[in-house]
Amino acid sequence: MARVVRTWGGVNRIDATLYRNPFTGNPLPGGFAVAVRTLVYTFTAFAVVALLGQVPVVADVLGVLKPVPRYAVAVGAGVLASGTRVNGRRIHVLAVDAAAYYARPRLTSAAQKVAK
């Protein structure tokens, strides 16, 4: 029997979730499900820590931590970011909106930049 899921204009959005290993088809360990958004945020945070480890000044700071705690912090940040909403917006949407806000001119009149 098919289950009907009703949504009202995006109010109840269904997140993409993994219940099985996509390569083998086996269930995930412990019967857990993982949201795809959580995986993307976690891999992004992991990559940011790996790239920041190449910057000389930051590498010295990160060098204080051993590799396992260093990447555990990245994984934790990815998991926390996946569940965080600021003013109802996800972190990646907020980052794009903030970049657009800071890129546009501050003082405008009729879509023209105004001198102070």
C-alpha atoms as a PDB file:
ATOM      1  CA  MET A   1       0.000   0.000   0.000  1.00  0.00           C
ATOM      2  CA  ALA A   2       1.412   3.365  -1.005  1.00  0.00           C
ATOM      3  CA  ARG A   3       1.619   6.020   1.646  1.00  0.00           C
ATOM      4  CA  VAL A   4       0.422   9.468   0.614  1.00  0.00           C
ATOM      5  CA  VAL A   5       2.433  12.417   1.858  1.00  0.00           C
ATOM      6  CA  ARG A   6       0.731  15.767   1.513  1.00  0.00           C
ATOM      7  CA  THR A   7       2.553  19.050   1.564  1.00  0.00           C
ATOM      8  CA  TRP A   8       1.147  22.513   1.756  1.00  0.00           C
ATOM      9  CA  GLY A   9       3.197  24.865  -0.384  1.00  0.00           C
ATOM     10  CA  GLY A  10       6.561  23.673   0.904  1.00  0.00           C
ATOM     11  CA  VAL A  11       5.571  23.826   4.565  1.00  0.00           C
ATOM     12  CA  ASN A  12       6.329  20.148   5.049  1.00  0.00           C
ATOM     13  CA  ARG A  13       9.414  19.541   2.950  1.00  0.00           C
ATOM     14  CA  ILE A  14      10.757  16.049   2.795  1.00  0.00           C
ATOM     15  CA  ASP A  15      14.517  15.888   3.184  1.00  0.00           C
ATOM     16  CA  ALA A  16      16.499  13.377   1.171  1.00  0.00           C
ATOM     17  CA  THR A  17      17.560  10.658   3.589  1.00  0.00           C
ATOM     18  CA  LEU A  18      19.747   7.595   3.229  1.00  0.00           C
ATOM     19  CA  TYR A  19      18.529   4.433   4.908  1.00  0.00           C
ATOM     20  CA  ARG A  20      20.807   2.045   3.030  1.00  0.00           C
ATOM     21  CA  ASN A  21      24.346   2.084   1.748  1.00  0.00           C
ATOM     22  CA  PRO A  22      23.953   3.310  -1.850  1.00  0.00           C
ATOM     23  CA  PHE A  23      26.809   1.098  -3.097  1.00  0.00           C
ATOM     24  CA  THR A  24      25.948  -2.232  -1.486  1.00  0.00           C
ATOM     25  CA  GLY A  25      22.263  -1.838  -0.651  1.00  0.00           C
ATOM     26  CA  ASN A  26      22.855  -2.994   2.927  1.00  0.00           C
ATOM     27  CA  PRO A  27      21.066  -1.145   5.749  1.00  0.00           C
ATOM     28  CA  LEU A  28      23.148   1.472   7.565  1.00  0.00           C
ATOM     29  CA  PRO A  29      24.746   0.268  10.815  1.00  0.00           C
ATOM     30  CA  GLY A  30      22.546   0.442  13.887  1.00  0.00           C
ATOM     31  CA  GLY A  31      19.426   1.082  11.832  1.00  0.00           C
ATOM     32  CA  PHE A  32      20.262   4.797  11.594  1.00  0.00           C
ATOM     33  CA  ALA A  33      19.197   7.095   8.796  1.00  0.00           C
ATOM     34  CA  VAL A  34      21.389   9.941   7.584  1.00  0.00           C
ATOM     35  CA  ALA A  35      20.126  13.097   5.906  1.00  0.00           C
ATOM     36  CA  VAL A  36      21.950  13.880   2.678  1.00  0.00           C
ATOM     37  CA  ARG A  37      22.241  17.528   3.792  1.00  0.00           C
ATOM     38  CA  THR A  38      24.161  16.365   6.870  1.00  0.00           C
ATOM     39  CA  LEU A  39      26.608  14.442   4.680  1.00  0.00           C
ATOM     40  CA  VAL A  40      27.172  17.441   2.421  1.00  0.00           C
ATOM     41  CA  TYR A  41      27.768  19.829   5.351  1.00  0.00           C
ATOM     42  CA  THR A  42      30.076  17.323   7.041  1.00  0.00           C
ATOM     43  CA  PHE A  43      32.186  16.722   3.924  1.00  0.00           C
ATOM     44  CA  THR A  44      32.339  20.478   3.322  1.00  0.00           C
ATOM     45  CA  ALA A  45      33.538  21.149   6.882  1.00  0.00           C
ATOM     46  CA  PHE A  46      36.050  18.299   6.544  1.00  0.00           C
ATOM     47  CA  ALA A  47      37.385  19.811   3.290  1.00  0.00           C
ATOM     48  CA  VAL A  48      37.605  23.294   4.833  1.00  0.00           C
ATOM     49  CA  VAL A  49      39.716  21.966   7.718  1.00  0.00           C
ATOM     50  CA  ALA A  50      41.938  20.071   5.276  1.00  0.00           C
ATOM     51  CA  LEU A  51      42.413  23.174   3.101  1.00  0.00           C
ATOM     52  CA  LEU A  52      43.011  25.464   6.093  1.00  0.00           C
ATOM     53  CA  GLY A  53      45.701  23.035   7.206  1.00  0.00           C
ATOM     54  CA  GLN A  54      47.700  24.155   4.163  1.00  0.00           C
ATOM     55  CA  VAL A  55      47.727  27.847   5.190  1.00  0.00           C
ATOM     56  CA  PRO A  56      50.942  28.475   7.183  1.00  0.00           C
ATOM     57  CA  VAL A  57      49.531  30.472  10.120  1.00  0.00           C
ATOM     58  CA  VAL A  58      46.401  28.357  10.471  1.00  0.00           C
ATOM     59  CA  ALA A  59      48.448  25.163  10.080  1.00  0.00           C
ATOM     60  CA  ASP A  60      50.379  26.079  13.221  1.00  0.00           C
ATOM     61  CA  VAL A  61      47.145  26.501  15.176  1.00  0.00           C
ATOM     62  CA  LEU A  62      45.639  23.295  13.791  1.00  0.00           C
ATOM     63  CA  GLY A  63      48.947  21.513  14.360  1.00  0.00           C
ATOM     64  CA  VAL A  64      48.311  21.703  18.100  1.00  0.00           C
ATOM     65  CA  LEU A  65      45.392  19.292  17.669  1.00  0.00           C
ATOM     66  CA  LYS A  66      45.997  15.703  16.728  1.00  0.00           C
ATOM     67  CA  PRO A  67      44.352  14.591  13.456  1.00  0.00           C
ATOM     68  CA  VAL A  68      41.430  12.693  14.988  1.00  0.00           C
ATOM     69  CA  PRO A  69      40.160  15.560  17.220  1.00  0.00           C
ATOM     70  CA  ARG A  70      40.839  18.053  14.426  1.00  0.00           C
ATOM     71  CA  TYR A  71      38.519  16.241  12.020  1.00  0.00           C
ATOM     72  CA  ALA A  72      36.069  15.289  14.773  1.00  0.00           C
ATOM     73  CA  VAL A  73      35.479  19.016  15.292  1.00  0.00           C
ATOM     74  CA  ALA A  74      34.846  19.343  11.542  1.00  0.00           C
ATOM     75  CA  VAL A  75      32.370  16.469  11.594  1.00  0.00           C
ATOM     76  CA  GLY A  76      30.621  17.953  14.631  1.00  0.00           C
ATOM     77  CA  ALA A  77      30.401  21.342  12.913  1.00  0.00           C
ATOM     78  CA  GLY A  78      28.855  19.704   9.852  1.00  0.00           C
ATOM     79  CA  VAL A  79      26.268  17.872  11.933  1.00  0.00           C
ATOM     80  CA  LEU A  80      25.379  21.007  13.901  1.00  0.00           C
ATOM     81  CA  ALA A  81      25.148  23.103  10.723  1.00  0.00           C
ATOM     82  CA  SER A  82      22.738  20.630   9.153  1.00  0.00           C
ATOM     83  CA  GLY A  83      20.183  21.194  11.886  1.00  0.00           C
ATOM     84  CA  THR A  84      20.717  24.923  12.318  1.00  0.00           C
ATOM     85  CA  ARG A  85      18.308  27.496  10.970  1.00  0.00           C
ATOM     86  CA  VAL A  86      18.763  31.247  11.223  1.00  0.00           C
ATOM     87  CA  ASN A  87      15.539  33.180  10.704  1.00  0.00           C
ATOM     88  CA  GLY A  88      14.063  30.041   9.161  1.00  0.00           C
ATOM     89  CA  ARG A  89      16.820  29.704   6.556  1.00  0.00           C
ATOM     90  CA  ARG A  90      19.409  26.954   6.249  1.00  0.00           C
ATOM     91  CA  ILE A  91      23.068  27.889   6.604  1.00  0.00           C
ATOM     92  CA  HIS A  92      23.894  27.631   2.887  1.00  0.00           C
ATOM     93  CA  VAL A  93      20.923  29.867   1.956  1.00  0.00           C
ATOM     94  CA  LEU A  94      21.923  32.351   4.652  1.00  0.00           C
ATOM     95  CA  ALA A  95      25.504  32.457   3.336  1.00  0.00           C
ATOM     96  CA  VAL A  96      24.337  33.208  -0.223  1.00  0.00           C
ATOM     97  CA  ASP A  97      21.931  35.895   1.007  1.00  0.00           C
ATOM     98  CA  ALA A  98      24.621  37.486   3.196  1.00  0.00           C
ATOM     99  CA  ALA A  99      27.104  37.548   0.300  1.00  0.00           C
ATOM    100  CA  ALA A 100      24.503  39.197  -1.956  1.00  0.00           C
ATOM    101  CA  TYR A 101      23.683  41.731   0.759  1.00  0.00           C
ATOM    102  CA  TYR A 102      27.289  42.757   1.330  1.00  0.00           C
ATOM    103  CA  ALA A 103      28.064  42.873  -2.413  1.00  0.00           C
ATOM    104  CA  ARG A 104      25.386  45.410  -3.286  1.00  0.00           C
ATOM    105  CA  PRO A 105      25.762  49.166  -2.850  1.00  0.00           C
ATOM    106  CA  ARG A 106      24.598  50.551   0.475  1.00  0.00           C
ATOM    107  CA  LEU A 107      23.030  53.880  -0.364  1.00  0.00           C
ATOM    108  CA  THR A 108      20.725  53.814  -3.353  1.00  0.00           C
ATOM    109  CA  SER A 109      18.056  56.016  -4.816  1.00  0.00           C
ATOM    110  CA  ALA A 110      16.102  54.781  -7.812  1.00  0.00           C
ATOM    111  CA  ALA A 111      18.612  51.912  -8.166  1.00  0.00           C
ATOM    112  CA  GLN A 112      21.512  54.386  -8.442  1.00  0.00           C
ATOM    113  CA  LYS A 113      24.424  54.505  -6.002  1.00  0.00           C
ATOM    114  CA  VAL A 114      24.354  57.679  -3.922  1.00  0.00           C
ATOM    115  CA  ALA A 115      27.452  59.405  -2.532  1.00  0.00           C
ATOM    116  CA  LYS A 116      27.495  60.035   1.216  1.00  0.00           C
END
